[in-house]
C-alpha atoms as a PDB file:
ATOM      1  CA  MET A   1      87.862 159.441 131.668  1.00  0.00           C
ATOM      2  CA  SER A   2      90.542 159.994 135.002  1.00  0.00           C
ATOM      3  CA  ALA A   3      93.681 161.708 134.327  1.00  0.00           C
ATOM      4  CA  GLU A   4      95.481 157.372 134.584  1.00  0.00           C
ATOM      5  CA  ASP A   5      93.551 156.328 131.774  1.00  0.00           C
ATOM      6  CA  LEU A   6      95.585 158.816 129.306  1.00  0.00           C
ATOM      7  CA  ASP A   7      99.418 158.097 127.944  1.00  0.00           C
ATOM      8  CA  ASP A   8     101.625 160.866 127.924  1.00  0.00           C
ATOM      9  CA  THR A   9     100.615 161.449 124.209  1.00  0.00           C
ATOM     10  CA  GLY A  10      96.964 162.404 125.711  1.00  0.00           C
ATOM     11  CA  ALA A  11      95.353 159.118 123.844  1.00  0.00           C
ATOM     12  CA  THR A  12      93.184 156.564 125.532  1.00  0.00           C
ATOM     13  CA  PRO A  13      94.112 153.086 125.645  1.00  0.00           C
ATOM     14  CA  ALA A  14      92.045 152.415 122.696  1.00  0.00           C
ATOM     15  CA  GLN A  15      93.672 155.271 120.204  1.00  0.00           C
ATOM     16  CA  GLN A  16      97.457 154.242 120.627  1.00  0.00           C
ATOM     17  CA  PRO A  17      98.752 152.912 117.904  1.00  0.00           C
ATOM     18  CA  MET A  18      99.169 149.191 117.783  1.00  0.00           C
ATOM     19  CA  VAL A  19     102.726 147.404 117.434  1.00  0.00           C
ATOM     20  CA  THR A  20     102.546 144.740 115.398  1.00  0.00           C
ATOM     21  CA  LEU A  21     105.272 142.134 115.888  1.00  0.00           C
ATOM     22  CA  PRO A  22     107.837 141.385 112.853  1.00  0.00           C
ATOM     23  CA  ASP A  23     107.782 138.194 111.079  1.00  0.00           C
ATOM     24  CA  ARG A  24     110.955 137.238 112.057  1.00  0.00           C
ATOM     25  CA  LEU A  25     113.158 138.199 115.322  1.00  0.00           C
ATOM     26  CA  SER A  26     116.115 137.158 116.840  1.00  0.00           C
ATOM     27  CA  THR A  27     117.714 138.008 120.520  1.00  0.00           C
ATOM     28  CA  ASN A  28     121.028 137.241 118.645  1.00  0.00           C
ATOM     29  CA  PRO A  29     122.518 141.028 118.533  1.00  0.00           C
ATOM     30  CA  LYS A  30     124.590 139.667 115.260  1.00  0.00           C
ATOM     31  CA  SER A  31     121.327 138.680 113.523  1.00  0.00           C
ATOM     32  CA  PRO A  32     119.860 141.144 110.840  1.00  0.00           C
ATOM     33  CA  TYR A  33     116.424 140.192 112.877  1.00  0.00           C
ATOM     34  CA  PHE A  34     117.506 141.821 116.238  1.00  0.00           C
ATOM     35  CA  ASN A  35     115.347 144.595 116.986  1.00  0.00           C
ATOM     36  CA  PRO A  36     116.210 145.675 120.555  1.00  0.00           C
ATOM     37  CA  GLU A  37     113.256 148.277 121.257  1.00  0.00           C
ATOM     38  CA  LEU A  38     110.923 145.299 120.329  1.00  0.00           C
ATOM     39  CA  LEU A  39     112.695 142.718 122.816  1.00  0.00           C
ATOM     40  CA  GLU A  40     112.605 145.440 125.869  1.00  0.00           C
ATOM     41  CA  GLN A  41     108.659 144.787 125.360  1.00  0.00           C
ATOM     42  CA  ASP A  42     107.330 141.299 127.273  1.00  0.00           C
ATOM     43  CA  ILE A  43     107.024 139.193 124.100  1.00  0.00           C
ATOM     44  CA  GLY A  44     105.589 135.232 124.859  1.00  0.00           C
ATOM     45  CA  ILE A  45     105.693 132.557 121.652  1.00  0.00           C
ATOM     46  CA  ARG A  46     103.286 129.804 121.245  1.00  0.00           C
ATOM     47  CA  PHE A  47     104.530 127.175 119.584  1.00  0.00           C
ATOM     48  CA  LYS A  48     102.083 124.750 118.405  1.00  0.00           C
ATOM     49  CA  GLY A  49      99.852 125.885 121.157  1.00  0.00           C
ATOM     50  CA  VAL A  50     102.472 125.427 124.065  1.00  0.00           C
ATOM     51  CA  GLU A  51     103.615 128.623 125.684  1.00  0.00           C
ATOM     52  CA  LYS A  52     107.829 128.315 125.048  1.00  0.00           C
ATOM     53  CA  THR A  53     110.189 130.743 127.071  1.00  0.00           C
ATOM     54  CA  ASN A  54     113.102 129.356 125.466  1.00  0.00           C
ATOM     55  CA  VAL A  55     113.247 130.689 122.248  1.00  0.00           C
ATOM     56  CA  GLU A  56     115.788 132.144 120.598  1.00  0.00           C
ATOM     57  CA  GLU A  57     114.733 132.945 117.126  1.00  0.00           C
ATOM     58  CA  TYR A  58     111.163 132.597 115.264  1.00  0.00           C
ATOM     59  CA  CYS A  59     109.937 132.689 112.023  1.00  0.00           C
ATOM     60  CA  ILE A  60     106.279 132.929 111.291  1.00  0.00           C
ATOM     61  CA  SER A  61     105.689 132.626 107.497  1.00  0.00           C
ATOM     62  CA  GLU A  62     107.986 129.680 107.517  1.00  0.00           C
ATOM     63  CA  GLY A  63     106.867 127.851 110.865  1.00  0.00           C
ATOM     64  CA  TRP A  64     109.716 127.365 112.941  1.00  0.00           C
ATOM     65  CA  VAL A  65     111.485 128.662 116.032  1.00  0.00           C
ATOM     66  CA  ARG A  66     115.113 128.381 117.162  1.00  0.00           C
ATOM     67  CA  LEU A  67     115.348 126.921 120.753  1.00  0.00           C
ATOM     68  CA  SER A  68     118.003 126.875 122.858  1.00  0.00           C
ATOM     69  CA  VAL A  69     118.940 123.294 124.090  1.00  0.00           C
ATOM     70  CA  GLY A  70     120.148 123.515 128.124  1.00  0.00           C
ATOM     71  CA  THR A  71     123.236 125.172 129.255  1.00  0.00           C
ATOM     72  CA  ALA A  72     125.322 123.817 126.635  1.00  0.00           C
ATOM     73  CA  LYS A  73     127.525 126.285 124.296  1.00  0.00           C
ATOM     74  CA  ASP A  74     129.609 125.858 120.836  1.00  0.00           C
ATOM     75  CA  ARG A  75     132.676 126.658 120.520  1.00  0.00           C
ATOM     76  CA  ALA A  76     132.155 130.523 120.160  1.00  0.00           C
ATOM     77  CA  GLY A  77     130.004 130.793 122.771  1.00  0.00           C
ATOM     78  CA  ASN A  78     126.635 131.064 121.679  1.00  0.00           C
ATOM     79  CA  PRO A  79     124.164 128.981 122.943  1.00  0.00           C
ATOM     80  CA  MET A  80     123.514 125.496 121.269  1.00  0.00           C
ATOM     81  CA  THR A  81     119.931 125.562 119.344  1.00  0.00           C
ATOM     82  CA  VAL A  82     117.458 123.342 117.479  1.00  0.00           C
ATOM     83  CA  LYS A  83     115.011 124.185 114.833  1.00  0.00           C
ATOM     84  CA  LEU A  84     111.590 122.984 115.124  1.00  0.00           C
ATOM     85  CA  GLN A  85     108.978 122.918 112.532  1.00  0.00           C
ATOM     86  CA  GLY A  86     105.129 123.925 113.144  1.00  0.00           C
ATOM     87  CA  SER A  87     102.678 127.066 113.602  1.00  0.00           C
ATOM     88  CA  VAL A  88     104.156 130.462 115.434  1.00  0.00           C
ATOM     89  CA  GLU A  89     102.099 132.316 117.404  1.00  0.00           C
ATOM     90  CA  PRO A  90     104.143 135.872 118.672  1.00  0.00           C
ATOM     91  CA  TYR A  91     101.830 138.166 121.058  1.00  0.00           C
ATOM     92  CA  PHE A  92     102.432 140.360 123.562  1.00  0.00           C
ATOM     93  CA  ARG A  93     101.791 139.362 126.940  1.00  0.00           C
ATOM     94  CA  ALA A  94      99.662 141.411 129.121  1.00  0.00           C
ATOM     95  CA  LYS A  95     101.232 143.760 131.541  1.00  0.00           C
ATOM     96  CA  GLN A  96     100.844 142.322 135.467  1.00  0.00           C
ATOM     97  CA  PRO A  97      98.862 144.685 137.920  1.00  0.00           C
ATOM     98  CA  ASP A  98     101.717 145.808 140.718  1.00  0.00           C
END
Protein backbone atom coordinates (compact mmCIF):
# COMPACT_ATOMS: atom_id res chain seq x y z
CA MET A 1 0.00 0.00 0.00
CA SER A 2 1.44 3.38 -0.97
CA ALA A 3 0.92 6.84 0.53
CA GLU A 4 -1.38 7.73 -2.40
CA ASP A 5 -3.84 5.03 -1.28
CA LEU A 6 -4.41 6.78 2.06
CA ASP A 7 -6.58 9.85 2.51
CA ASP A 8 -5.79 12.63 5.01
CA THR A 9 -7.32 10.56 7.84
CA GLY A 10 -5.09 7.56 7.06
CA ALA A 11 -7.99 5.39 5.83
CA THR A 12 -7.86 3.40 2.61
CA PRO A 13 -10.66 3.94 0.05
CA ALA A 14 -12.38 0.75 1.24
CA GLN A 15 -12.38 2.04 4.83
CA GLN A 16 -13.71 5.52 4.01
CA PRO A 17 -17.30 6.12 5.13
CA MET A 18 -19.89 5.91 2.36
CA VAL A 19 -22.06 8.99 1.99
CA THR A 20 -25.56 8.06 0.96
CA LEU A 21 -27.73 10.35 -1.08
CA PRO A 22 -30.89 11.63 0.59
CA ASP A 23 -34.40 10.62 -0.45
CA ARG A 24 -35.01 14.16 -1.69
CA LEU A 25 -32.54 16.81 -2.90
CA SER A 26 -32.97 20.23 -4.52
CA THR A 27 -30.63 22.69 -6.22
CA ASN A 28 -32.79 25.68 -5.16
CA PRO A 29 -31.26 27.48 -2.13
CA LYS A 30 -34.77 28.46 -0.93
CA SER A 31 -35.85 24.81 -0.67
CA PRO A 32 -35.73 22.93 2.66
CA TYR A 33 -34.15 20.04 0.71
CA PHE A 34 -31.14 22.11 -0.41
CA ASN A 35 -27.77 20.73 0.79
CA PRO A 36 -24.79 22.76 -0.52
CA GLU A 37 -22.12 20.38 0.86
CA LEU A 38 -23.68 17.43 -0.93
CA LEU A 39 -24.22 19.37 -4.16
CA GLU A 40 -20.50 20.22 -4.34
CA GLN A 41 -19.89 16.55 -5.14
CA ASP A 42 -20.52 15.24 -8.65
CA ILE A 43 -24.02 13.70 -8.49
CA GLY A 44 -25.72 12.04 -11.44
CA ILE A 45 -29.42 11.23 -11.87
CA ARG A 46 -30.87 8.40 -13.93
CA PHE A 47 -34.57 8.86 -14.63
CA LYS A 48 -36.27 5.82 -16.16
CA GLY A 49 -32.78 4.49 -16.97
CA VAL A 50 -31.70 7.63 -18.89
CA GLU A 51 -29.05 10.07 -17.64
CA LYS A 52 -30.56 13.53 -17.01
CA THR A 53 -28.45 16.68 -16.66
CA ASN A 54 -31.19 19.27 -16.10
CA VAL A 55 -32.65 17.97 -12.81
CA GLU A 56 -33.63 20.73 -10.36
CA GLU A 57 -35.05 18.41 -7.67
CA TYR A 58 -35.76 14.72 -7.16
CA CYS A 59 -37.62 12.45 -4.74
CA ILE A 60 -36.82 8.73 -4.73
CA SER A 61 -39.68 7.51 -2.49
CA GLU A 62 -42.38 9.38 -4.44
CA GLY A 63 -40.73 8.60 -7.80
CA TRP A 64 -40.46 11.99 -9.49
CA VAL A 65 -37.98 14.51 -10.81
CA ARG A 66 -38.39 18.21 -11.51
CA LEU A 67 -36.59 19.21 -14.73
CA SER A 68 -35.81 22.71 -15.97
CA VAL A 69 -37.46 23.53 -19.30
CA GLY A 70 -35.14 25.39 -21.65
CA THR A 71 -34.17 28.94 -20.70
CA ALA A 72 -37.69 30.10 -19.75
CA LYS A 73 -38.06 31.88 -16.40
CA ASP A 74 -41.11 32.51 -14.22
CA ARG A 75 -41.99 36.01 -12.98
CA ALA A 76 -39.71 35.58 -9.94
CA GLY A 77 -36.73 34.76 -12.18
CA ASN A 78 -36.66 31.04 -11.36
CA PRO A 79 -36.31 28.48 -14.16
CA MET A 80 -39.57 26.99 -15.43
CA THR A 81 -39.80 23.32 -14.48
CA VAL A 82 -41.86 20.26 -15.28
CA LYS A 83 -42.46 17.39 -12.84
CA LEU A 84 -42.20 13.87 -14.31
CA GLN A 85 -43.12 10.57 -12.63
CA GLY A 86 -40.94 7.47 -12.88
CA SER A 87 -38.03 5.60 -11.34
CA VAL A 88 -35.25 7.82 -9.96
CA GLU A 89 -31.67 6.61 -9.38
CA PRO A 90 -29.24 9.19 -7.96
CA TYR A 91 -25.56 8.21 -7.77
CA PHE A 92 -22.11 9.67 -7.30
CA ARG A 93 -20.22 9.94 -10.58
CA ALA A 94 -16.76 8.42 -10.63
CA LYS A 95 -13.95 10.96 -10.59
CA GLN A 96 -12.17 11.25 -13.91
CA PRO A 97 -8.37 10.90 -13.81
CA ASP A 98 -6.50 14.13 -14.68
